[in-house]
């Protein structure tokens, strides 16, 4: 993991990242560097049986698609993952005609030069793209970081992040057990290698994204009409959906939806922390259901 992080850091050094982060400005920067437009679009159908994000390299432009049925921060990360594939120059063979035909029935598959999707971190390319996307989103302003005059402020920042990691752990553990492929690195290893302000910031961001990855995969097991209001209701819906998944019940058609949340990292942490506390209380003394065939 440390080698992957160092390679991603070297790629970051060649990027002009907007601060505060702005996805529109980053997309403009990438498009200008490539000399071709970069379009991003929501696309329904990127869920079970398909990636949650997709990059199509066309002859004259790049198109990045993302699943709109998730939180704003998570949707932004899905786009960043596909942009990371572009920045890394990842290779992909010709697009699979059946997937292109299903998602884009009016598009000639022969026009698609390259296609890469985000559907788990099980290959070297996917892990590299996921790491780079995470580091892009959590990169602080170097000038601002150097300007921090007091160690005490940095210590408070690190301690607050560690506290949130602990609070989020019950919900994250449930998602890791059900969907181990969403986890980028082992917790014990990250605790050793990712220290300090930047490292803990990255760990906390990954915890949020991995929870959202699991919830997106779990969404299809929410019965139609499910729309939780309040953290306790969301926790109950998660527990029920995990049970349906473990029992091998078929996906709902159409599925329900999770509670809406604000667009910022602070919004996600605040909401998911409340859900995690409610989930822990709900499952005190009860093991998280693990689907048959899960790696954990």
C-alpha atoms as a PDB file:
ATOM      1  CA  UNK A   1       0.000   0.000   0.000  1.00  0.00           C
ATOM      2  CA  UNK A   2       2.815   2.413   0.828  1.00  0.00           C
ATOM      3  CA  UNK A   3       4.302   1.964  -2.634  1.00  0.00           C
ATOM      4  CA  UNK A   4       0.908   2.622  -4.197  1.00  0.00           C
ATOM      5  CA  UNK A   5       0.513   5.730  -2.091  1.00  0.00           C
ATOM      6  CA  UNK A   6       3.961   7.018  -3.107  1.00  0.00           C
ATOM      7  CA  UNK A   7       3.200   6.504  -6.798  1.00  0.00           C
ATOM      8  CA  UNK A   8      -0.090   8.362  -6.386  1.00  0.00           C
ATOM      9  CA  UNK A   9       1.697  11.183  -4.567  1.00  0.00           C
ATOM     10  CA  UNK A  10       4.099  11.544  -7.505  1.00  0.00           C
ATOM     11  CA  UNK A  11       1.163  11.833  -9.895  1.00  0.00           C
ATOM     12  CA  UNK A  12      -0.446  14.407  -7.622  1.00  0.00           C
ATOM     13  CA  UNK A  13       2.686  16.553  -7.717  1.00  0.00           C
ATOM     14  CA  UNK A  14       2.092  17.166 -11.415  1.00  0.00           C
ATOM     15  CA  UNK A  15      -1.525  18.274 -10.963  1.00  0.00           C
ATOM     16  CA  UNK A  16      -2.881  21.721 -10.195  1.00  0.00           C
ATOM     17  CA  UNK A  17      -5.569  20.846  -7.686  1.00  0.00           C
ATOM     18  CA  UNK A  18      -8.171  23.490  -6.840  1.00  0.00           C
ATOM     19  CA  UNK A  19      -8.368  24.456  -3.173  1.00  0.00           C
ATOM     20  CA  UNK A  20     -10.981  24.321  -1.791  1.00  0.00           C
ATOM     21  CA  UNK A  21     -11.662  21.287  -3.952  1.00  0.00           C
ATOM     22  CA  UNK A  22     -13.912  21.906  -6.947  1.00  0.00           C
ATOM     23  CA  UNK A  23     -14.742  19.025  -9.291  1.00  0.00           C
ATOM     24  CA  UNK A  24     -15.731  21.364 -12.140  1.00  0.00           C
ATOM     25  CA  UNK A  25     -12.314  23.061 -12.041  1.00  0.00           C
ATOM     26  CA  UNK A  26     -10.497  19.733 -11.909  1.00  0.00           C
ATOM     27  CA  UNK A  27     -12.439  18.434 -14.916  1.00  0.00           C
ATOM     28  CA  UNK A  28     -11.556  21.623 -16.808  1.00  0.00           C
ATOM     29  CA  UNK A  29      -7.884  21.136 -15.902  1.00  0.00           C
ATOM     30  CA  UNK A  30      -7.864  17.509 -17.082  1.00  0.00           C
ATOM     31  CA  UNK A  31      -9.688  18.409 -20.308  1.00  0.00           C
ATOM     32  CA  UNK A  32      -7.217  21.201 -21.051  1.00  0.00           C
ATOM     33  CA  UNK A  33      -4.217  18.940 -20.413  1.00  0.00           C
ATOM     34  CA  UNK A  34      -5.624  16.319 -22.805  1.00  0.00           C
ATOM     35  CA  UNK A  35      -6.783  18.794 -25.425  1.00  0.00           C
ATOM     36  CA  UNK A  36     -10.253  17.244 -25.576  1.00  0.00           C
ATOM     37  CA  UNK A  37     -13.561  17.755 -23.763  1.00  0.00           C
ATOM     38  CA  UNK A  38     -14.368  15.811 -20.613  1.00  0.00           C
ATOM     39  CA  UNK A  39     -18.088  15.317 -20.035  1.00  0.00           C
ATOM     40  CA  UNK A  40     -19.618  13.793 -16.911  1.00  0.00           C
ATOM     41  CA  UNK A  41     -23.171  12.539 -16.783  1.00  0.00           C
ATOM     42  CA  UNK A  42     -25.436  10.651 -14.352  1.00  0.00           C
ATOM     43  CA  UNK A  43     -26.576   7.333 -15.754  1.00  0.00           C
ATOM     44  CA  UNK A  44     -29.231   5.074 -14.262  1.00  0.00           C
ATOM     45  CA  UNK A  45     -28.418   1.371 -14.517  1.00  0.00           C
ATOM     46  CA  UNK A  46     -24.921   1.554 -13.013  1.00  0.00           C
ATOM     47  CA  UNK A  47     -25.670  -0.757 -10.074  1.00  0.00           C
ATOM     48  CA  UNK A  48     -25.821  -4.517  -9.464  1.00  0.00           C
ATOM     49  CA  UNK A  49     -24.493  -6.279 -12.535  1.00  0.00           C
ATOM     50  CA  UNK A  50     -22.748  -3.124 -13.815  1.00  0.00           C
ATOM     51  CA  UNK A  51     -20.053  -0.734 -12.605  1.00  0.00           C
ATOM     52  CA  UNK A  52     -21.096   2.245 -10.471  1.00  0.00           C
ATOM     53  CA  UNK A  53     -18.940   4.455 -12.659  1.00  0.00           C
ATOM     54  CA  UNK A  54     -17.766   4.299 -16.251  1.00  0.00           C
ATOM     55  CA  UNK A  55     -15.218   6.064 -18.460  1.00  0.00           C
ATOM     56  CA  UNK A  56     -15.759   5.891 -22.198  1.00  0.00           C
ATOM     57  CA  UNK A  57     -12.875   7.115 -24.330  1.00  0.00           C
ATOM     58  CA  UNK A  58     -14.366   8.254 -27.633  1.00  0.00           C
ATOM     59  CA  UNK A  59     -12.409   9.460 -30.681  1.00  0.00           C
ATOM     60  CA  UNK A  60     -12.821  13.158 -29.820  1.00  0.00           C
ATOM     61  CA  UNK A  61     -13.887  13.320 -26.159  1.00  0.00           C
ATOM     62  CA  UNK A  62     -13.946  11.547 -22.804  1.00  0.00           C
ATOM     63  CA  UNK A  63     -17.229  10.691 -21.090  1.00  0.00           C
ATOM     64  CA  UNK A  64     -17.500   9.837 -17.402  1.00  0.00           C
ATOM     65  CA  UNK A  65     -20.760   8.366 -16.109  1.00  0.00           C
ATOM     66  CA  UNK A  66     -21.753   7.799 -12.486  1.00  0.00           C
ATOM     67  CA  UNK A  67     -24.617   6.237 -10.573  1.00  0.00           C
ATOM     68  CA  UNK A  68     -26.898   9.072  -9.402  1.00  0.00           C
ATOM     69  CA  UNK A  69     -28.511   6.925  -6.698  1.00  0.00           C
ATOM     70  CA  UNK A  70     -25.944   7.707  -4.024  1.00  0.00           C
ATOM     71  CA  UNK A  71     -24.812  10.637  -1.895  1.00  0.00           C
ATOM     72  CA  UNK A  72     -23.253  13.727  -3.529  1.00  0.00           C
ATOM     73  CA  UNK A  73     -19.782  13.100  -2.066  1.00  0.00           C
ATOM     74  CA  UNK A  74     -19.848   9.455  -3.142  1.00  0.00           C
ATOM     75  CA  UNK A  75     -20.980  10.371  -6.672  1.00  0.00           C
ATOM     76  CA  UNK A  76     -18.122  12.871  -6.820  1.00  0.00           C
ATOM     77  CA  UNK A  77     -15.673  10.162  -5.766  1.00  0.00           C
ATOM     78  CA  UNK A  78     -16.959   7.807  -8.462  1.00  0.00           C
ATOM     79  CA  UNK A  79     -16.199  10.515 -11.035  1.00  0.00           C
ATOM     80  CA  UNK A  80     -12.741  11.032  -9.500  1.00  0.00           C
ATOM     81  CA  UNK A  81     -12.031   7.307  -9.800  1.00  0.00           C
ATOM     82  CA  UNK A  82     -12.727   7.418 -13.535  1.00  0.00           C
ATOM     83  CA  UNK A  83     -10.639  10.586 -13.912  1.00  0.00           C
ATOM     84  CA  UNK A  84      -7.825   8.768 -12.095  1.00  0.00           C
ATOM     85  CA  UNK A  85      -7.958   6.034 -14.739  1.00  0.00           C
ATOM     86  CA  UNK A  86      -7.462   8.764 -17.352  1.00  0.00           C
ATOM     87  CA  UNK A  87      -4.589  10.394 -15.462  1.00  0.00           C
ATOM     88  CA  UNK A  88      -2.867   7.046 -14.916  1.00  0.00           C
ATOM     89  CA  UNK A  89      -3.156   6.172 -18.590  1.00  0.00           C
ATOM     90  CA  UNK A  90      -4.723   2.850 -17.757  1.00  0.00           C
ATOM     91  CA  UNK A  91      -5.156   0.529 -20.685  1.00  0.00           C
ATOM     92  CA  UNK A  92      -8.369  -1.226 -21.541  1.00  0.00           C
ATOM     93  CA  UNK A  93      -9.355  -3.336 -24.471  1.00  0.00           C
ATOM     94  CA  UNK A  94     -12.308  -2.590 -26.731  1.00  0.00           C
ATOM     95  CA  UNK A  95     -15.550  -2.115 -24.828  1.00  0.00           C
ATOM     96  CA  UNK A  96     -17.770  -5.145 -24.342  1.00  0.00           C
ATOM     97  CA  UNK A  97     -20.548  -4.832 -26.884  1.00  0.00           C
ATOM     98  CA  UNK A  98     -23.235  -6.268 -24.617  1.00  0.00           C
ATOM     99  CA  UNK A  99     -22.649  -3.732 -21.825  1.00  0.00           C
ATOM    100  CA  UNK A 100     -22.427  -0.808 -24.239  1.00  0.00           C
ATOM    101  CA  UNK A 101     -25.591  -1.989 -25.983  1.00  0.00           C
ATOM    102  CA  UNK A 102     -27.482  -2.261 -22.695  1.00  0.00           C
ATOM    103  CA  UNK A 103     -26.420   1.121 -21.322  1.00  0.00           C
ATOM    104  CA  UNK A 104     -26.150   3.003 -24.625  1.00  0.00           C
ATOM    105  CA  UNK A 105     -28.474   1.324 -27.138  1.00  0.00           C
ATOM    106  CA  UNK A 106     -27.942   4.060 -29.749  1.00  0.00           C
ATOM    107  CA  UNK A 107     -24.136   4.007 -29.588  1.00  0.00           C
ATOM    108  CA  UNK A 108     -21.977   2.060 -32.021  1.00  0.00           C
ATOM    109  CA  UNK A 109     -19.557  -0.010 -29.873  1.00  0.00           C
ATOM    110  CA  UNK A 110     -16.932   0.344 -32.583  1.00  0.00           C
ATOM    111  CA  UNK A 111     -16.639   4.046 -31.726  1.00  0.00           C
ATOM    112  CA  UNK A 112     -15.581   3.334 -28.137  1.00  0.00           C
ATOM    113  CA  UNK A 113     -11.797   3.358 -28.021  1.00  0.00           C
ATOM    114  CA  UNK A 114     -11.461   2.558 -24.319  1.00  0.00           C
ATOM    115  CA  UNK A 115     -13.791   1.704 -21.471  1.00  0.00           C
ATOM    116  CA  UNK A 116     -13.056   1.296 -17.785  1.00  0.00           C
ATOM    117  CA  UNK A 117     -15.549   0.981 -14.948  1.00  0.00           C
ATOM    118  CA  UNK A 118     -15.499   1.136 -11.147  1.00  0.00           C
ATOM    119  CA  UNK A 119     -16.758  -2.152  -9.727  1.00  0.00           C
ATOM    120  CA  UNK A 120     -14.483  -3.147  -6.847  1.00  0.00           C
ATOM    121  CA  UNK A 121     -10.775  -2.860  -6.108  1.00  0.00           C
ATOM    122  CA  UNK A 122      -9.691  -6.308  -7.200  1.00  0.00           C
ATOM    123  CA  UNK A 123      -7.074  -5.411  -9.839  1.00  0.00           C
ATOM    124  CA  UNK A 124      -3.900  -3.315  -9.745  1.00  0.00           C
ATOM    125  CA  UNK A 125      -5.449  -0.705 -12.055  1.00  0.00           C
ATOM    126  CA  UNK A 126      -8.564  -0.400  -9.908  1.00  0.00           C
ATOM    127  CA  UNK A 127      -6.548  -0.052  -6.700  1.00  0.00           C
ATOM    128  CA  UNK A 128      -4.321   2.594  -8.262  1.00  0.00           C
ATOM    129  CA  UNK A 129      -7.286   4.580  -9.538  1.00  0.00           C
ATOM    130  CA  UNK A 130      -9.031   4.326  -6.169  1.00  0.00           C
ATOM    131  CA  UNK A 131      -5.950   5.486  -4.264  1.00  0.00           C
ATOM    132  CA  UNK A 132      -5.323   8.406  -6.600  1.00  0.00           C
ATOM    133  CA  UNK A 133      -8.973   9.476  -6.473  1.00  0.00           C
ATOM    134  CA  UNK A 134      -8.888   9.400  -2.668  1.00  0.00           C
ATOM    135  CA  UNK A 135      -5.670  11.402  -2.491  1.00  0.00           C
ATOM    136  CA  UNK A 136      -6.968  13.989  -4.953  1.00  0.00           C
ATOM    137  CA  UNK A 137     -10.045  14.571  -2.809  1.00  0.00           C
ATOM    138  CA  UNK A 138      -8.182  14.732   0.507  1.00  0.00           C
ATOM    139  CA  UNK A 139      -5.162  16.751  -0.623  1.00  0.00           C
ATOM    140  CA  UNK A 140      -4.851  19.883   1.491  1.00  0.00           C
ATOM    141  CA  UNK A 141      -3.383  23.170   0.365  1.00  0.00           C
ATOM    142  CA  UNK A 142       0.405  22.909   0.910  1.00  0.00           C
ATOM    143  CA  UNK A 143       0.554  26.598   1.788  1.00  0.00           C
ATOM    144  CA  UNK A 144      -2.178  26.212   4.342  1.00  0.00           C
ATOM    145  CA  UNK A 145      -0.645  23.074   5.870  1.00  0.00           C
ATOM    146  CA  UNK A 146       2.717  24.822   6.299  1.00  0.00           C
ATOM    147  CA  UNK A 147       0.968  27.801   7.844  1.00  0.00           C
ATOM    148  CA  UNK A 148      -0.353  25.795  10.783  1.00  0.00           C
ATOM    149  CA  UNK A 149       1.692  27.443  13.518  1.00  0.00           C
ATOM    150  CA  UNK A 150       0.967  25.208  16.459  1.00  0.00           C
ATOM    151  CA  UNK A 151       1.383  21.508  17.073  1.00  0.00           C
ATOM    152  CA  UNK A 152      -1.678  21.641  19.335  1.00  0.00           C
ATOM    153  CA  UNK A 153      -3.977  22.371  16.398  1.00  0.00           C
ATOM    154  CA  UNK A 154      -2.589  19.437  14.434  1.00  0.00           C
ATOM    155  CA  UNK A 155      -3.016  17.149  17.437  1.00  0.00           C
ATOM    156  CA  UNK A 156      -6.651  18.218  17.834  1.00  0.00           C
ATOM    157  CA  UNK A 157      -7.272  17.517  14.155  1.00  0.00           C
ATOM    158  CA  UNK A 158      -5.745  14.042  14.364  1.00  0.00           C
ATOM    159  CA  UNK A 159      -7.580  13.154  17.573  1.00  0.00           C
ATOM    160  CA  UNK A 160     -10.926  14.288  16.131  1.00  0.00           C
ATOM    161  CA  UNK A 161     -10.341  12.148  13.028  1.00  0.00           C
ATOM    162  CA  UNK A 162      -9.419   9.107  15.144  1.00  0.00           C
ATOM    163  CA  UNK A 163     -12.586   9.566  17.162  1.00  0.00           C
ATOM    164  CA  UNK A 164     -14.678   9.583  13.984  1.00  0.00           C
ATOM    165  CA  UNK A 165     -12.887   6.450  12.745  1.00  0.00           C
ATOM    166  CA  UNK A 166     -13.949   4.682  15.936  1.00  0.00           C
ATOM    167  CA  UNK A 167     -17.532   5.957  15.753  1.00  0.00           C
ATOM    168  CA  UNK A 168     -17.887   4.855  12.120  1.00  0.00           C
ATOM    169  CA  UNK A 169     -16.339   1.431  12.667  1.00  0.00           C
ATOM    170  CA  UNK A 170     -19.553  -0.553  13.437  1.00  0.00           C
ATOM    171  CA  UNK A 171     -21.205   0.536  10.179  1.00  0.00           C
ATOM    172  CA  UNK A 172     -17.991   0.162   8.182  1.00  0.00           C
ATOM    173  CA  UNK A 173     -17.405  -3.323   9.621  1.00  0.00           C
ATOM    174  CA  UNK A 174     -20.883  -4.387   8.511  1.00  0.00           C
ATOM    175  CA  UNK A 175     -20.175  -3.226   4.956  1.00  0.00           C
ATOM    176  CA  UNK A 176     -16.725  -4.824   4.946  1.00  0.00           C
ATOM    177  CA  UNK A 177     -18.191  -8.156   6.050  1.00  0.00           C
ATOM    178  CA  UNK A 178     -20.869  -8.115   3.355  1.00  0.00           C
ATOM    179  CA  UNK A 179     -18.769  -6.558   0.562  1.00  0.00           C
ATOM    180  CA  UNK A 180     -15.050  -7.129   1.261  1.00  0.00           C
ATOM    181  CA  UNK A 181     -14.143  -5.984  -2.249  1.00  0.00           C
ATOM    182  CA  UNK A 182     -14.890  -2.341  -1.363  1.00  0.00           C
ATOM    183  CA  UNK A 183     -12.026  -2.129   1.166  1.00  0.00           C
ATOM    184  CA  UNK A 184      -8.811  -0.690  -0.263  1.00  0.00           C
ATOM    185  CA  UNK A 185      -6.428  -1.740   2.525  1.00  0.00           C
ATOM    186  CA  UNK A 186      -6.408  -3.642   5.801  1.00  0.00           C
ATOM    187  CA  UNK A 187      -7.165  -1.530   8.906  1.00  0.00           C
ATOM    188  CA  UNK A 188      -4.097  -2.724  10.839  1.00  0.00           C
ATOM    189  CA  UNK A 189      -1.795  -1.791   7.977  1.00  0.00           C
ATOM    190  CA  UNK A 190      -3.338   1.641   7.479  1.00  0.00           C
ATOM    191  CA  UNK A 191      -2.993   2.385  11.214  1.00  0.00           C
ATOM    192  CA  UNK A 192       0.766   1.878  10.899  1.00  0.00           C
ATOM    193  CA  UNK A 193       1.365   3.554   7.524  1.00  0.00           C
ATOM    194  CA  UNK A 194      -1.190   6.389   7.549  1.00  0.00           C
ATOM    195  CA  UNK A 195      -0.360   8.645  10.450  1.00  0.00           C
ATOM    196  CA  UNK A 196      -0.262  12.400  10.910  1.00  0.00           C
ATOM    197  CA  UNK A 197      -2.836  14.870   9.629  1.00  0.00           C
ATOM    198  CA  UNK A 198      -2.720  13.840   5.941  1.00  0.00           C
ATOM    199  CA  UNK A 199      -2.701  10.115   6.705  1.00  0.00           C
ATOM    200  CA  UNK A 200      -5.605  10.196   9.153  1.00  0.00           C
ATOM    201  CA  UNK A 201      -7.553  12.475   6.825  1.00  0.00           C
ATOM    202  CA  UNK A 202      -7.116   9.891   4.072  1.00  0.00           C
ATOM    203  CA  UNK A 203      -8.163   7.022   6.381  1.00  0.00           C
ATOM    204  CA  UNK A 204     -11.321   8.864   7.435  1.00  0.00           C
ATOM    205  CA  UNK A 205     -12.221   9.657   3.832  1.00  0.00           C
ATOM    206  CA  UNK A 206     -11.720   6.014   2.862  1.00  0.00           C
ATOM    207  CA  UNK A 207     -13.958   4.883   5.714  1.00  0.00           C
ATOM    208  CA  UNK A 208     -16.769   7.135   4.477  1.00  0.00           C
ATOM    209  CA  UNK A 209     -16.346   6.047   0.834  1.00  0.00           C
ATOM    210  CA  UNK A 210     -16.222   2.352   1.719  1.00  0.00           C
ATOM    211  CA  UNK A 211     -19.397   2.669   3.779  1.00  0.00           C
ATOM    212  CA  UNK A 212     -21.086   4.376   0.838  1.00  0.00           C
ATOM    213  CA  UNK A 213     -19.770   1.727  -1.570  1.00  0.00           C
ATOM    214  CA  UNK A 214     -21.381  -0.919   0.604  1.00  0.00           C
ATOM    215  CA  UNK A 215     -24.637   0.997   0.913  1.00  0.00           C
ATOM    216  CA  UNK A 216     -24.771   1.436  -2.858  1.00  0.00           C
ATOM    217  CA  UNK A 217     -24.301  -2.306  -3.352  1.00  0.00           C
ATOM    218  CA  UNK A 218     -26.920  -2.937  -0.663  1.00  0.00           C
ATOM    219  CA  UNK A 219     -29.446  -0.517  -2.150  1.00  0.00           C
ATOM    220  CA  UNK A 220     -30.980  -3.157  -4.398  1.00  0.00           C
ATOM    221  CA  UNK A 221     -32.089  -5.044  -1.288  1.00  0.00           C
ATOM    222  CA  UNK A 222     -34.165  -2.131  -0.023  1.00  0.00           C
ATOM    223  CA  UNK A 223     -37.826  -2.835  -0.797  1.00  0.00           C
ATOM    224  CA  UNK A 224     -39.574  -0.389  -3.091  1.00  0.00           C
ATOM    225  CA  UNK A 225     -40.824   2.633  -1.223  1.00  0.00           C
ATOM    226  CA  UNK A 226     -38.144   2.465   1.479  1.00  0.00           C
ATOM    227  CA  UNK A 227     -37.010   5.998   2.319  1.00  0.00           C
ATOM    228  CA  UNK A 228     -35.640   6.169   5.868  1.00  0.00           C
ATOM    229  CA  UNK A 229     -36.145   9.333   7.883  1.00  0.00           C
ATOM    230  CA  UNK A 230     -33.725   9.657  10.747  1.00  0.00           C
ATOM    231  CA  UNK A 231     -30.556   7.790  11.682  1.00  0.00           C
ATOM    232  CA  UNK A 232     -32.336   5.040  13.620  1.00  0.00           C
ATOM    233  CA  UNK A 233     -34.621   4.308  10.664  1.00  0.00           C
ATOM    234  CA  UNK A 234     -31.633   4.165   8.301  1.00  0.00           C
ATOM    235  CA  UNK A 235     -29.823   1.773  10.651  1.00  0.00           C
ATOM    236  CA  UNK A 236     -32.867  -0.514  10.766  1.00  0.00           C
ATOM    237  CA  UNK A 237     -33.119  -0.429   6.966  1.00  0.00           C
ATOM    238  CA  UNK A 238     -29.434  -1.382   6.655  1.00  0.00           C
ATOM    239  CA  UNK A 239     -29.836  -4.301   9.061  1.00  0.00           C
ATOM    240  CA  UNK A 240     -32.938  -5.529   7.234  1.00  0.00           C
ATOM    241  CA  UNK A 241     -31.275  -5.230   3.807  1.00  0.00           C
ATOM    242  CA  UNK A 242     -28.216  -7.146   5.046  1.00  0.00           C
ATOM    243  CA  UNK A 243     -30.496  -9.901   6.305  1.00  0.00           C
ATOM    244  CA  UNK A 244     -32.283 -10.113   2.937  1.00  0.00           C
ATOM    245  CA  UNK A 245     -28.935 -10.246   1.159  1.00  0.00           C
ATOM    246  CA  UNK A 246     -27.662 -12.991   3.478  1.00  0.00           C
ATOM    247  CA  UNK A 247     -30.863 -14.985   2.944  1.00  0.00           C
ATOM    248  CA  UNK A 248     -30.340 -14.869  -0.820  1.00  0.00           C
ATOM    249  CA  UNK A 249     -33.530 -12.957  -1.499  1.00  0.00           C
ATOM    250  CA  UNK A 250     -33.749 -11.442  -5.002  1.00  0.00           C
ATOM    251  CA  UNK A 251     -33.080  -7.720  -5.474  1.00  0.00           C
ATOM    252  CA  UNK A 252     -36.023  -5.346  -5.204  1.00  0.00           C
ATOM    253  CA  UNK A 253     -37.335  -3.920  -8.456  1.00  0.00           C
ATOM    254  CA  UNK A 254     -37.445  -1.002  -8.177  1.00  0.00           C
ATOM    255  CA  UNK A 255     -35.274  -0.619  -5.079  1.00  0.00           C
ATOM    256  CA  UNK A 256     -35.803   1.851  -2.262  1.00  0.00           C
ATOM    257  CA  UNK A 257     -33.417   4.681  -1.470  1.00  0.00           C
ATOM    258  CA  UNK A 258     -31.261   5.855   1.392  1.00  0.00           C
ATOM    259  CA  UNK A 259     -31.821   9.096   3.271  1.00  0.00           C
ATOM    260  CA  UNK A 260     -30.483  12.232   1.541  1.00  0.00           C
ATOM    261  CA  UNK A 261     -27.383  13.897   2.944  1.00  0.00           C
ATOM    262  CA  UNK A 262     -25.517  17.149   2.297  1.00  0.00           C
ATOM    263  CA  UNK A 263     -22.701  17.455  -0.258  1.00  0.00           C
ATOM    264  CA  UNK A 264     -19.703  17.962   2.016  1.00  0.00           C
ATOM    265  CA  UNK A 265     -17.412  15.566   3.869  1.00  0.00           C
ATOM    266  CA  UNK A 266     -18.583  17.085   7.152  1.00  0.00           C
ATOM    267  CA  UNK A 267     -22.196  16.316   6.200  1.00  0.00           C
ATOM    268  CA  UNK A 268     -21.313  12.679   5.461  1.00  0.00           C
ATOM    269  CA  UNK A 269     -19.347  12.207   8.670  1.00  0.00           C
ATOM    270  CA  UNK A 270     -22.069  13.748  10.818  1.00  0.00           C
ATOM    271  CA  UNK A 271     -24.837  11.656   9.249  1.00  0.00           C
ATOM    272  CA  UNK A 272     -23.014   8.341   8.980  1.00  0.00           C
ATOM    273  CA  UNK A 273     -21.748   8.713  12.555  1.00  0.00           C
ATOM    274  CA  UNK A 274     -25.322   8.939  13.812  1.00  0.00           C
ATOM    275  CA  UNK A 275     -26.328   5.958  11.684  1.00  0.00           C
ATOM    276  CA  UNK A 276     -23.336   3.956  12.913  1.00  0.00           C
ATOM    277  CA  UNK A 277     -24.170   4.668  16.570  1.00  0.00           C
ATOM    278  CA  UNK A 278     -27.778   3.604  15.937  1.00  0.00           C
ATOM    279  CA  UNK A 279     -26.624   0.488  14.062  1.00  0.00           C
ATOM    280  CA  UNK A 280     -24.329  -0.515  16.902  1.00  0.00           C
ATOM    281  CA  UNK A 281     -27.131  -0.110  19.429  1.00  0.00           C
ATOM    282  CA  UNK A 282     -29.451  -2.116  17.208  1.00  0.00           C
ATOM    283  CA  UNK A 283     -26.974  -4.955  16.812  1.00  0.00           C
ATOM    284  CA  UNK A 284     -25.462  -5.008  20.302  1.00  0.00           C
ATOM    285  CA  UNK A 285     -24.543  -8.612  20.907  1.00  0.00           C
ATOM    286  CA  UNK A 286     -25.781  -9.785  17.490  1.00  0.00           C
ATOM    287  CA  UNK A 287     -23.319 -10.703  14.698  1.00  0.00           C
ATOM    288  CA  UNK A 288     -23.638  -8.970  11.354  1.00  0.00           C
ATOM    289  CA  UNK A 289     -25.205 -11.350   8.782  1.00  0.00           C
ATOM    290  CA  UNK A 290     -22.620 -12.478   6.247  1.00  0.00           C
ATOM    291  CA  UNK A 291     -23.840 -13.482   2.766  1.00  0.00           C
ATOM    292  CA  UNK A 292     -23.018 -16.961   1.561  1.00  0.00           C
ATOM    293  CA  UNK A 293     -19.829 -16.908  -0.493  1.00  0.00           C
ATOM    294  CA  UNK A 294     -18.488 -13.761   1.176  1.00  0.00           C
ATOM    295  CA  UNK A 295     -14.750 -13.732   1.646  1.00  0.00           C
ATOM    296  CA  UNK A 296     -15.181 -12.713   5.284  1.00  0.00           C
END
